[in-house]
PDB file of N, CA and C in Angstrom:
ATOM      1  N   MET A   1      -4.288 -30.507  -4.515  1.00  0.00           N
ATOM      2  CA  MET A   1      -3.442 -30.312  -5.664  1.00  0.00           C
ATOM      3  C   MET A   1      -2.081 -29.809  -5.176  1.00  0.00           C
ATOM      4  N   THR A   2      -1.011 -30.403  -5.669  1.00  0.00           N
ATOM      5  CA  THR A   2       0.311 -29.967  -5.255  1.00  0.00           C
ATOM      6  C   THR A   2       0.688 -28.674  -5.959  1.00  0.00           C
ATOM      7  N   GLN A   3       1.664 -28.001  -5.389  1.00  0.00           N
ATOM      8  CA  GLN A   3       2.097 -26.743  -5.971  1.00  0.00           C
ATOM      9  C   GLN A   3       2.609 -26.962  -7.396  1.00  0.00           C
ATOM     10  N   GLN A   4       3.337 -28.053  -7.629  1.00  0.00           N
ATOM     11  CA  GLN A   4       3.859 -28.320  -8.965  1.00  0.00           C
ATOM     12  C   GLN A   4       2.729 -28.585  -9.951  1.00  0.00           C
ATOM     13  N   ASN A   5       1.704 -29.333  -9.549  1.00  0.00           N
ATOM     14  CA  ASN A   5       0.565 -29.575 -10.434  1.00  0.00           C
ATOM     15  C   ASN A   5      -0.126 -28.267 -10.788  1.00  0.00           C
ATOM     16  N   THR A   6      -0.220 -27.375  -9.816  1.00  0.00           N
ATOM     17  CA  THR A   6      -0.830 -26.078 -10.064  1.00  0.00           C
ATOM     18  C   THR A   6      -0.009 -25.297 -11.076  1.00  0.00           C
ATOM     19  N   LEU A   7       1.281 -25.242 -10.881  1.00  0.00           N
ATOM     20  CA  LEU A   7       2.151 -24.501 -11.794  1.00  0.00           C
ATOM     21  C   LEU A   7       2.157 -25.104 -13.190  1.00  0.00           C
ATOM     22  N   ASP A   8       1.988 -26.419 -13.289  1.00  0.00           N
ATOM     23  CA  ASP A   8       1.954 -27.074 -14.599  1.00  0.00           C
ATOM     24  C   ASP A   8       0.793 -26.596 -15.455  1.00  0.00           C
ATOM     25  N   LYS A   9      -0.264 -26.078 -14.847  1.00  0.00           N
ATOM     26  CA  LYS A   9      -1.432 -25.597 -15.580  1.00  0.00           C
ATOM     27  C   LYS A   9      -1.215 -24.228 -16.202  1.00  0.00           C
ATOM     28  N   LEU A  10      -0.164 -23.551 -15.779  1.00  0.00           N
ATOM     29  CA  LEU A  10       0.061 -22.179 -16.238  1.00  0.00           C
ATOM     30  C   LEU A  10       0.939 -22.138 -17.480  1.00  0.00           C
ATOM     31  N   PRO A  11       0.643 -21.212 -18.402  1.00  0.00           N
ATOM     32  CA  PRO A  11       1.566 -21.004 -19.518  1.00  0.00           C
ATOM     33  C   PRO A  11       2.871 -20.397 -18.985  1.00  0.00           C
ATOM     34  N   GLU A  12       3.923 -20.530 -19.733  1.00  0.00           N
ATOM     35  CA  GLU A  12       5.238 -20.077 -19.288  1.00  0.00           C
ATOM     36  C   GLU A  12       5.237 -18.616 -18.844  1.00  0.00           C
ATOM     37  N   ILE A  13       4.543 -17.767 -19.541  1.00  0.00           N
ATOM     38  CA  ILE A  13       4.558 -16.342 -19.200  1.00  0.00           C
ATOM     39  C   ILE A  13       3.995 -16.074 -17.798  1.00  0.00           C
ATOM     40  N   LEU A  14       3.043 -16.879 -17.362  1.00  0.00           N
ATOM     41  CA  LEU A  14       2.465 -16.690 -16.030  1.00  0.00           C
ATOM     42  C   LEU A  14       3.297 -17.355 -14.936  1.00  0.00           C
ATOM     43  N   LYS A  15       4.313 -18.117 -15.330  1.00  0.00           N
ATOM     44  CA  LYS A  15       5.202 -18.742 -14.351  1.00  0.00           C
ATOM     45  C   LYS A  15       6.372 -17.828 -13.982  1.00  0.00           C
ATOM     46  N   ARG A  16       6.449 -16.691 -14.629  1.00  0.00           N
ATOM     47  CA  ARG A  16       7.551 -15.756 -14.363  1.00  0.00           C
ATOM     48  C   ARG A  16       7.316 -14.990 -13.070  1.00  0.00           C
ATOM     49  N   ASN A  17       8.409 -14.622 -12.441  1.00  0.00           N
ATOM     50  CA  ASN A  17       8.379 -13.743 -11.262  1.00  0.00           C
ATOM     51  C   ASN A  17       7.502 -14.269 -10.127  1.00  0.00           C
ATOM     52  N   LEU A  18       7.556 -15.553  -9.888  1.00  0.00           N
ATOM     53  CA  LEU A  18       6.723 -16.148  -8.838  1.00  0.00           C
ATOM     54  C   LEU A  18       7.062 -15.626  -7.449  1.00  0.00           C
ATOM     55  N   ASP A  19       8.282 -15.184  -7.273  1.00  0.00           N
ATOM     56  CA  ASP A  19       8.702 -14.707  -5.958  1.00  0.00           C
ATOM     57  C   ASP A  19       8.462 -13.207  -5.755  1.00  0.00           C
ATOM     58  N   ARG A  20       7.995 -12.521  -6.771  1.00  0.00           N
ATOM     59  CA  ARG A  20       7.752 -11.078  -6.674  1.00  0.00           C
ATOM     60  C   ARG A  20       6.299 -10.802  -6.298  1.00  0.00           C
ATOM     61  N   ASN A  21       6.064  -9.584  -5.843  1.00  0.00           N
ATOM     62  CA  ASN A  21       4.706  -9.188  -5.474  1.00  0.00           C
ATOM     63  C   ASN A  21       3.845  -9.034  -6.715  1.00  0.00           C
ATOM     64  N   LEU A  22       2.734  -9.730  -6.742  1.00  0.00           N
ATOM     65  CA  LEU A  22       1.739  -9.540  -7.791  1.00  0.00           C
ATOM     66  C   LEU A  22       0.937  -8.288  -7.466  1.00  0.00           C
ATOM     67  N   CYS A  23       0.587  -8.150  -6.207  1.00  0.00           N
ATOM     68  CA  CYS A  23      -0.131  -6.976  -5.730  1.00  0.00           C
ATOM     69  C   CYS A  23       0.874  -6.094  -4.993  1.00  0.00           C
ATOM     70  N   VAL A  24       1.266  -5.010  -5.646  1.00  0.00           N
ATOM     71  CA  VAL A  24       2.268  -4.118  -5.076  1.00  0.00           C
ATOM     72  C   VAL A  24       1.688  -3.327  -3.902  1.00  0.00           C
ATOM     73  N   CYS A  25       0.446  -2.908  -4.020  1.00  0.00           N
ATOM     74  CA  CYS A  25      -0.182  -2.096  -2.962  1.00  0.00           C
ATOM     75  C   CYS A  25      -0.142  -2.799  -1.604  1.00  0.00           C
ATOM     76  N   ASN A  26      -0.472  -4.073  -1.587  1.00  0.00           N
ATOM     77  CA  ASN A  26      -0.556  -4.822  -0.334  1.00  0.00           C
ATOM     78  C   ASN A  26       0.573  -5.831  -0.168  1.00  0.00           C
ATOM     79  N   GLU A  27       1.568  -5.754  -1.054  1.00  0.00           N
ATOM     80  CA  GLU A  27       2.749  -6.614  -0.989  1.00  0.00           C
ATOM     81  C   GLU A  27       2.386  -8.101  -0.911  1.00  0.00           C
ATOM     82  N   VAL A  28       1.550  -8.537  -1.859  1.00  0.00           N
ATOM     83  CA  VAL A  28       1.122  -9.937  -1.919  1.00  0.00           C
ATOM     84  C   VAL A  28       1.904 -10.637  -3.028  1.00  0.00           C
ATOM     85  N   PRO A  29       2.744 -11.615  -2.676  1.00  0.00           N
ATOM     86  CA  PRO A  29       3.509 -12.340  -3.694  1.00  0.00           C
ATOM     87  C   PRO A  29       2.603 -13.127  -4.642  1.00  0.00           C
ATOM     88  N   LYS A  30       3.086 -13.299  -5.846  1.00  0.00           N
ATOM     89  CA  LYS A  30       2.336 -14.027  -6.871  1.00  0.00           C
ATOM     90  C   LYS A  30       2.003 -15.447  -6.402  1.00  0.00           C
ATOM     91  N   MET A  31       2.953 -16.119  -5.727  1.00  0.00           N
ATOM     92  CA  MET A  31       2.694 -17.488  -5.258  1.00  0.00           C
ATOM     93  C   MET A  31       1.596 -17.525  -4.202  1.00  0.00           C
ATOM     94  N   THR A  32       1.439 -16.483  -3.434  1.00  0.00           N
ATOM     95  CA  THR A  32       0.353 -16.434  -2.454  1.00  0.00           C
ATOM     96  C   THR A  32      -0.992 -16.447  -3.165  1.00  0.00           C
ATOM     97  N   VAL A  33      -1.087 -15.698  -4.251  1.00  0.00           N
ATOM     98  CA  VAL A  33      -2.328 -15.669  -5.040  1.00  0.00           C
ATOM     99  C   VAL A  33      -2.553 -17.028  -5.690  1.00  0.00           C
ATOM    100  N   ILE A  34      -1.524 -17.607  -6.278  1.00  0.00           N
ATOM    101  CA  ILE A  34      -1.644 -18.923  -6.921  1.00  0.00           C
ATOM    102  C   ILE A  34      -2.078 -19.976  -5.898  1.00  0.00           C
ATOM    103  N   ASN A  35      -1.482 -19.958  -4.724  1.00  0.00           N
ATOM    104  CA  ASN A  35      -1.856 -20.926  -3.692  1.00  0.00           C
ATOM    105  C   ASN A  35      -3.294 -20.732  -3.237  1.00  0.00           C
ATOM    106  N   ALA A  36      -3.739 -19.490  -3.124  1.00  0.00           N
ATOM    107  CA  ALA A  36      -5.128 -19.229  -2.730  1.00  0.00           C
ATOM    108  C   ALA A  36      -6.096 -19.794  -3.762  1.00  0.00           C
ATOM    109  N   ILE A  37      -5.770 -19.625  -5.028  1.00  0.00           N
ATOM    110  CA  ILE A  37      -6.620 -20.169  -6.091  1.00  0.00           C
ATOM    111  C   ILE A  37      -6.621 -21.698  -6.031  1.00  0.00           C
ATOM    112  N   ALA A  38      -5.443 -22.285  -5.839  1.00  0.00           N
ATOM    113  CA  ALA A  38      -5.338 -23.750  -5.750  1.00  0.00           C
ATOM    114  C   ALA A  38      -6.112 -24.301  -4.565  1.00  0.00           C
ATOM    115  N   GLU A  39      -6.261 -23.484  -3.513  1.00  0.00           N
ATOM    116  CA  GLU A  39      -6.982 -23.908  -2.312  1.00  0.00           C
ATOM    117  C   GLU A  39      -8.471 -23.581  -2.373  1.00  0.00           C
ATOM    118  N   GLY A  40      -8.966 -23.114  -3.533  1.00  0.00           N
ATOM    119  CA  GLY A  40     -10.398 -22.946  -3.689  1.00  0.00           C
ATOM    120  C   GLY A  40     -10.914 -21.545  -3.919  1.00  0.00           C
ATOM    121  N   ALA A  41     -10.061 -20.537  -3.872  1.00  0.00           N
ATOM    122  CA  ALA A  41     -10.507 -19.171  -4.144  1.00  0.00           C
ATOM    123  C   ALA A  41     -10.697 -19.043  -5.652  1.00  0.00           C
ATOM    124  N   ASP A  42     -11.926 -19.258  -6.123  1.00  0.00           N
ATOM    125  CA  ASP A  42     -12.178 -19.355  -7.559  1.00  0.00           C
ATOM    126  C   ASP A  42     -12.789 -18.108  -8.186  1.00  0.00           C
ATOM    127  N   THR A  43     -12.802 -17.007  -7.458  1.00  0.00           N
ATOM    128  CA  THR A  43     -13.258 -15.728  -8.000  1.00  0.00           C
ATOM    129  C   THR A  43     -12.311 -14.633  -7.506  1.00  0.00           C
ATOM    130  N   LEU A  44     -12.343 -13.505  -8.165  1.00  0.00           N
ATOM    131  CA  LEU A  44     -11.524 -12.372  -7.741  1.00  0.00           C
ATOM    132  C   LEU A  44     -11.866 -11.966  -6.313  1.00  0.00           C
ATOM    133  N   GLU A  45     -13.133 -11.976  -5.984  1.00  0.00           N
ATOM    134  CA  GLU A  45     -13.572 -11.593  -4.640  1.00  0.00           C
ATOM    135  C   GLU A  45     -13.021 -12.550  -3.577  1.00  0.00           C
ATOM    136  N   LYS A  46     -13.006 -13.834  -3.881  1.00  0.00           N
ATOM    137  CA  LYS A  46     -12.482 -14.820  -2.928  1.00  0.00           C
ATOM    138  C   LYS A  46     -10.971 -14.696  -2.782  1.00  0.00           C
ATOM    139  N   VAL A  47     -10.281 -14.423  -3.892  1.00  0.00           N
ATOM    140  CA  VAL A  47      -8.831 -14.201  -3.819  1.00  0.00           C
ATOM    141  C   VAL A  47      -8.555 -12.968  -2.966  1.00  0.00           C
ATOM    142  N   ARG A  48      -9.319 -11.911  -3.185  1.00  0.00           N
ATOM    143  CA  ARG A  48      -9.149 -10.687  -2.411  1.00  0.00           C
ATOM    144  C   ARG A  48      -9.394 -10.935  -0.926  1.00  0.00           C
ATOM    145  N   ALA A  49     -10.443 -11.679  -0.606  1.00  0.00           N
ATOM    146  CA  ALA A  49     -10.770 -11.953   0.795  1.00  0.00           C
ATOM    147  C   ALA A  49      -9.674 -12.780   1.475  1.00  0.00           C
ATOM    148  N   LYS A  50      -9.071 -13.675   0.723  1.00  0.00           N
ATOM    149  CA  LYS A  50      -8.070 -14.572   1.305  1.00  0.00           C
ATOM    150  C   LYS A  50      -6.669 -13.951   1.367  1.00  0.00           C
ATOM    151  N   THR A  51      -6.347 -13.070   0.402  1.00  0.00           N
ATOM    152  CA  THR A  51      -4.972 -12.578   0.293  1.00  0.00           C
ATOM    153  C   THR A  51      -4.831 -11.066   0.409  1.00  0.00           C
ATOM    154  N   PHE A  52      -5.918 -10.334   0.269  1.00  0.00           N
ATOM    155  CA  PHE A  52      -5.931  -8.871   0.194  1.00  0.00           C
ATOM    156  C   PHE A  52      -5.370  -8.339  -1.119  1.00  0.00           C
ATOM    157  N   ALA A  53      -5.036  -9.208  -2.062  1.00  0.00           N
ATOM    158  CA  ALA A  53      -4.594  -8.760  -3.381  1.00  0.00           C
ATOM    159  C   ALA A  53      -5.761  -8.083  -4.091  1.00  0.00           C
ATOM    160  N   SER A  54      -5.480  -7.028  -4.797  1.00  0.00           N
ATOM    161  CA  SER A  54      -6.429  -6.196  -5.552  1.00  0.00           C
ATOM    162  C   SER A  54      -7.299  -5.335  -4.646  1.00  0.00           C
ATOM    163  N   ASP A  55      -6.942  -5.229  -3.383  1.00  0.00           N
ATOM    164  CA  ASP A  55      -7.713  -4.437  -2.430  1.00  0.00           C
ATOM    165  C   ASP A  55      -7.232  -2.987  -2.383  1.00  0.00           C
ATOM    166  N   GLY A  56      -6.154  -2.687  -3.120  1.00  0.00           N
ATOM    167  CA  GLY A  56      -5.633  -1.319  -3.182  1.00  0.00           C
ATOM    168  C   GLY A  56      -6.223  -0.610  -4.379  1.00  0.00           C
ATOM    169  N   ASN A  57      -5.365  -0.178  -5.302  1.00  0.00           N
ATOM    170  CA  ASN A  57      -5.871   0.527  -6.479  1.00  0.00           C
ATOM    171  C   ASN A  57      -6.351  -0.415  -7.573  1.00  0.00           C
ATOM    172  N   GLY A  58      -6.137  -1.713  -7.410  1.00  0.00           N
ATOM    173  CA  GLY A  58      -6.690  -2.699  -8.333  1.00  0.00           C
ATOM    174  C   GLY A  58      -5.879  -2.942  -9.589  1.00  0.00           C
ATOM    175  N   CYS A  59      -4.649  -2.458  -9.630  1.00  0.00           N
ATOM    176  CA  CYS A  59      -3.853  -2.614 -10.851  1.00  0.00           C
ATOM    177  C   CYS A  59      -3.506  -4.077 -11.142  1.00  0.00           C
ATOM    178  N   CYS A  60      -3.659  -4.960 -10.183  1.00  0.00           N
ATOM    179  CA  CYS A  60      -3.309  -6.372 -10.387  1.00  0.00           C
ATOM    180  C   CYS A  60      -4.526  -7.231 -10.761  1.00  0.00           C
ATOM    181  N   ARG A  61      -5.684  -6.647 -10.880  1.00  0.00           N
ATOM    182  CA  ARG A  61      -6.900  -7.437 -11.167  1.00  0.00           C
ATOM    183  C   ARG A  61      -6.787  -8.266 -12.431  1.00  0.00           C
ATOM    184  N   LEU A  62      -6.252  -7.676 -13.486  1.00  0.00           N
ATOM    185  CA  LEU A  62      -6.139  -8.407 -14.751  1.00  0.00           C
ATOM    186  C   LEU A  62      -5.235  -9.621 -14.602  1.00  0.00           C
ATOM    187  N   GLN A  63      -4.139  -9.466 -13.878  1.00  0.00           N
ATOM    188  CA  GLN A  63      -3.234 -10.595 -13.664  1.00  0.00           C
ATOM    189  C   GLN A  63      -3.920 -11.692 -12.848  1.00  0.00           C
ATOM    190  N   ILE A  64      -4.680 -11.313 -11.853  1.00  0.00           N
ATOM    191  CA  ILE A  64      -5.397 -12.294 -11.047  1.00  0.00           C
ATOM    192  C   ILE A  64      -6.439 -13.008 -11.907  1.00  0.00           C
ATOM    193  N   LYS A  65      -7.138 -12.266 -12.742  1.00  0.00           N
ATOM    194  CA  LYS A  65      -8.132 -12.886 -13.611  1.00  0.00           C
ATOM    195  C   LYS A  65      -7.479 -13.866 -14.579  1.00  0.00           C
ATOM    196  N   ASP A  66      -6.284 -13.534 -15.087  1.00  0.00           N
ATOM    197  CA  ASP A  66      -5.555 -14.476 -15.944  1.00  0.00           C
ATOM    198  C   ASP A  66      -5.208 -15.754 -15.195  1.00  0.00           C
ATOM    199  N   LEU A  67      -4.744 -15.610 -13.971  1.00  0.00           N
ATOM    200  CA  LEU A  67      -4.434 -16.800 -13.165  1.00  0.00           C
ATOM    201  C   LEU A  67      -5.693 -17.621 -12.886  1.00  0.00           C
ATOM    202  N   LEU A  68      -6.788 -16.957 -12.568  1.00  0.00           N
ATOM    203  CA  LEU A  68      -8.047 -17.668 -12.338  1.00  0.00           C
ATOM    204  C   LEU A  68      -8.488 -18.424 -13.580  1.00  0.00           C
ATOM    205  N   GLU A  69      -8.343 -17.814 -14.730  1.00  0.00           N
ATOM    206  CA  GLU A  69      -8.749 -18.439 -15.988  1.00  0.00           C
ATOM    207  C   GLU A  69      -7.990 -19.739 -16.240  1.00  0.00           C
ATOM    208  N   HIS A  70      -6.722 -19.763 -15.908  1.00  0.00           N
ATOM    209  CA  HIS A  70      -5.906 -20.945 -16.166  1.00  0.00           C
ATOM    210  C   HIS A  70      -5.984 -22.000 -15.056  1.00  0.00           C
ATOM    211  N   LEU A  71      -6.320 -21.576 -13.846  1.00  0.00           N
ATOM    212  CA  LEU A  71      -6.270 -22.508 -12.717  1.00  0.00           C
ATOM    213  C   LEU A  71      -7.627 -23.012 -12.240  1.00  0.00           C
ATOM    214  N   THR A  72      -8.705 -22.419 -12.741  1.00  0.00           N
ATOM    215  CA  THR A  72     -10.037 -22.890 -12.301  1.00  0.00           C
ATOM    216  C   THR A  72     -10.808 -23.462 -13.465  1.00  0.00           C
TER     217      THR A  72
END
């Protein structure tokens, strides 16, 4: 799946701030999480294993779950 096809699946609100860190604790950009999901990380645990996002205090879990809901 191309990056554009992946982004086309997202509502406009989830397309915002793609260049900013989704996971502040581990400095993981939002596009890194989106790409991990597009490459097969279809659960929060798999996203965490691939990107280290949500491995800190977990404040980004809800955002990751929203992305998973729209992309898987």
